[in-house]
Protein backbone atom coordinates (compact mmCIF):
# COMPACT_ATOMS: atom_id res chain seq x y z
CA MET A 1 -102.54 35.72 -67.80
CA LYS A 2 -99.59 33.45 -68.67
CA ASP A 3 -101.95 30.56 -69.43
CA GLU A 4 -104.00 32.86 -71.66
CA MET A 5 -100.88 33.79 -73.64
CA GLN A 6 -99.91 30.13 -73.99
CA GLU A 7 -103.36 29.27 -75.33
CA MET A 8 -103.77 32.40 -77.50
CA THR A 9 -103.75 31.78 -81.24
CA TRP A 10 -103.77 34.15 -84.18
CA ASN A 11 -105.34 33.77 -87.57
CA GLN A 12 -103.18 34.20 -90.65
CA LYS A 13 -103.97 37.90 -91.04
CA THR A 14 -103.07 38.73 -87.42
CA ALA A 15 -99.90 36.61 -87.49
CA ALA A 16 -98.79 38.32 -90.70
CA HIS A 17 -99.50 41.74 -89.14
CA VAL A 18 -97.47 40.85 -86.01
CA ALA A 19 -94.60 39.65 -88.23
CA GLY A 20 -94.74 42.80 -90.35
CA ALA A 21 -95.24 40.65 -93.43
CA THR A 22 -97.97 39.88 -95.91
CA GLU A 23 -100.16 36.82 -95.68
CA ARG A 24 -98.46 35.52 -98.81
CA THR A 25 -95.03 35.85 -97.15
CA LEU A 26 -96.38 34.02 -94.13
CA ARG A 27 -97.55 31.17 -96.38
CA ASN A 28 -94.12 31.14 -98.10
CA TRP A 29 -92.42 30.75 -94.72
CA ASN A 30 -94.17 27.41 -94.42
CA SER A 31 -91.76 26.06 -97.05
CA LEU A 32 -88.72 26.87 -94.87
CA GLU A 33 -86.77 24.04 -93.31
CA ASN A 34 -88.05 25.25 -89.96
CA PRO A 35 -91.42 26.90 -90.68
CA PRO A 36 -93.37 28.99 -88.19
CA PRO A 37 -95.49 26.98 -85.74
CA CYS A 38 -98.95 26.52 -87.17
CA ILE A 39 -102.02 24.46 -86.30
CA PRO A 40 -103.54 23.40 -89.63
CA GLY A 41 -107.20 24.19 -90.21
CA ARG A 42 -109.91 21.57 -90.60
CA ARG A 43 -113.27 21.55 -92.38
CA GLY A 44 -114.02 25.21 -92.66
CA LYS A 45 -111.73 26.24 -89.83
CA PRO A 46 -108.68 28.27 -90.90
CA ALA A 47 -105.15 27.52 -89.75
CA VAL A 48 -104.06 29.30 -86.59
CA TYR A 49 -100.69 30.26 -85.15
CA PRO A 50 -99.98 29.72 -81.44
CA ALA A 51 -99.04 33.26 -80.31
CA GLN A 52 -96.21 32.47 -77.89
CA GLU A 53 -94.52 29.91 -80.15
CA PHE A 54 -94.96 32.15 -83.20
CA VAL A 55 -93.31 35.13 -81.48
CA ALA A 56 -90.37 32.97 -80.33
CA TRP A 57 -89.96 31.60 -83.87
CA LEU A 58 -90.19 35.10 -85.37
CA ILE A 59 -87.48 36.45 -83.05
CA GLU A 60 -85.07 33.69 -84.02
CA TYR A 61 -85.94 34.09 -87.70
CA ARG A 62 -85.26 37.84 -87.61
CA LEU A 63 -82.01 37.33 -85.67
CA GLY A 64 -80.92 34.94 -88.41
CA GLN A 65 -81.64 37.59 -91.01
CA ILE A 66 -79.69 40.22 -89.08
CA THR A 67 -76.63 38.03 -88.53
CA GLY A 68 -76.67 36.87 -92.14
CA SER A 69 -76.85 33.25 -91.10
CA ALA A 70 -77.42 30.82 -93.93
CA ASP A 71 -79.76 29.08 -91.52
CA ALA A 72 -81.92 32.18 -91.02
CA GLY A 73 -85.16 31.06 -89.50
CA ASP A 74 -83.85 27.72 -88.30
CA PRO A 75 -83.79 28.06 -84.51
CA ALA A 76 -82.02 24.73 -84.02
CA ALA A 77 -79.22 25.77 -86.38
CA MET A 78 -79.03 29.19 -84.75
CA ARG A 79 -78.73 27.63 -81.30
CA ALA A 80 -76.06 25.24 -82.57
CA ARG A 81 -74.13 28.15 -84.08
CA LEU A 82 -74.41 30.15 -80.85
CA ASP A 83 -73.30 27.13 -78.82
CA LYS A 84 -70.30 26.68 -81.12
CA LEU A 85 -69.33 30.35 -80.80
CA ARG A 86 -69.63 30.15 -77.01
CA GLY A 87 -67.52 26.99 -76.99
CA ASP A 88 -64.88 28.65 -79.17
CA ALA A 89 -64.79 31.65 -76.82
CA VAL A 90 -64.34 29.40 -73.77
CA GLU A 91 -61.62 27.41 -75.55
CA LEU A 92 -59.75 30.59 -76.53
CA ASP A 93 -60.04 31.91 -72.97
CA LEU A 94 -58.59 28.66 -71.61
CA LYS A 95 -55.72 28.74 -74.12
CA ILE A 96 -54.91 32.33 -73.15
CA LYS A 97 -54.96 31.42 -69.44
CA SER A 98 -52.76 28.36 -70.02
CA GLY A 99 -50.25 30.42 -72.00
CA ASP A 100 -50.88 28.78 -75.38
CA TYR A 101 -52.06 32.11 -76.83
CA ALA A 102 -51.21 35.69 -75.98
CA PRO A 103 -52.81 38.91 -77.17
CA ILE A 104 -50.93 40.33 -80.16
CA ASN A 105 -50.26 43.67 -78.45
CA ILE A 106 -48.37 41.89 -75.64
CA ILE A 107 -46.34 39.87 -78.15
CA ARG A 108 -45.57 43.05 -80.14
CA ASP A 109 -44.40 44.86 -76.97
CA VAL A 110 -42.20 41.95 -75.87
CA ILE A 111 -40.59 41.58 -79.29
CA GLY A 112 -40.00 45.35 -79.41
CA ASP A 113 -38.31 45.28 -76.00
CA VAL A 114 -36.13 42.31 -76.99
CA ALA A 115 -35.15 44.02 -80.25
CA ALA A 116 -34.22 47.26 -78.44
CA GLN A 117 -32.08 45.39 -75.89
CA LEU A 118 -30.39 43.32 -78.59
CA LYS A 119 -29.66 46.43 -80.66
CA ALA A 120 -28.04 48.16 -77.67
CA ILE A 121 -25.87 45.12 -76.95
CA LEU A 122 -24.80 44.68 -80.58
CA GLU A 123 -24.00 48.38 -81.06
CA SER A 124 -21.73 48.33 -78.01
CA LEU A 125 -19.74 45.32 -79.24
CA PRO A 126 -17.12 47.17 -81.37
CA ARG A 127 -16.18 49.45 -78.41
CA LYS A 128 -15.95 46.45 -76.05
CA ILE A 129 -13.83 44.51 -78.53
CA LYS A 130 -11.50 47.49 -79.04
CA HIS A 131 -11.20 47.89 -75.27
CA ALA A 132 -10.43 44.16 -74.82
CA GLN A 133 -8.13 43.95 -77.87
CA PRO A 134 -6.43 47.35 -78.36
CA GLU A 135 -4.13 45.90 -81.03
CA LEU A 136 -7.09 45.42 -83.48
CA THR A 137 -6.96 47.71 -86.47
CA ALA A 138 -9.65 50.21 -87.39
CA ARG A 139 -10.29 48.14 -90.52
CA ALA A 140 -11.04 45.01 -88.43
CA LEU A 141 -13.43 47.01 -86.22
CA ARG A 142 -15.22 48.39 -89.30
CA ILE A 143 -15.71 44.82 -90.53
CA VAL A 144 -17.18 43.82 -87.14
CA HIS A 145 -19.41 46.91 -87.17
CA SER A 146 -20.63 46.29 -90.74
CA GLU A 147 -21.46 42.66 -89.89
CA ILE A 148 -23.44 43.79 -86.85
CA VAL A 149 -25.35 46.31 -88.96
CA ARG A 150 -26.00 43.62 -91.58
CA ALA A 151 -27.37 41.27 -88.88
CA MET A 152 -29.63 44.00 -87.43
CA ASN A 153 -30.97 44.85 -90.89
CA ALA A 154 -31.69 41.19 -91.60
CA CYS A 155 -33.62 40.92 -88.32
CA SER A 156 -35.65 44.03 -89.10
CA GLU A 157 -36.73 42.55 -92.44
CA VAL A 158 -38.07 39.29 -91.01
CA ARG A 159 -41.70 38.71 -91.97
CA VAL A 160 -44.02 35.92 -90.89
CA LYS A 161 -44.76 33.50 -93.68
CA PHE A 162 -48.36 32.45 -93.24
CA ASP A 163 -47.80 29.04 -94.82
CA ILE A 164 -45.43 28.28 -91.94
CA VAL A 165 -48.11 29.38 -89.45
CA ASP A 166 -50.66 27.17 -91.24
CA GLU A 167 -48.29 24.19 -91.06
CA TYR A 168 -47.80 24.77 -87.34
CA GLU A 169 -51.55 24.92 -86.70
CA SER A 170 -52.19 21.75 -88.71
CA ASP A 171 -49.50 19.90 -86.70
CA ALA A 172 -51.04 20.95 -83.40
């Protein structure tokens, strides 16, 4: 049965029907960079399409259309793209495992914990200073407190500048 499928060929009408296209569309596909497999006709014999190869080509062509690939219908380009995506996934996985990258939710949680601890420490400073130096005036403690509040506000307004991130990535 497998040998029969490998040897089976379809005429243009059948191949177009299998592809869900018109015969004209099938002929237009021949102008693609990677056209469907076809055995050209000779002296009164029409062109035929090897069934197994045609189905494989059609699957890759349709996948290219679905994914929006510019190389829709070019199985070699599709395989190269898939290989690149797989390679990128492996590389990212290795960088995560080696500690070069961390998921953003972990980074967000760690920074939140650090900020909460720092805030608690800074807010307790005026009391600790007053306890250690009872001779300090209320005015001096208010100055210390206002500077601490100013520092905490400045930290809360920090935003990542993406041009700095881009420079870091280009240096790496």
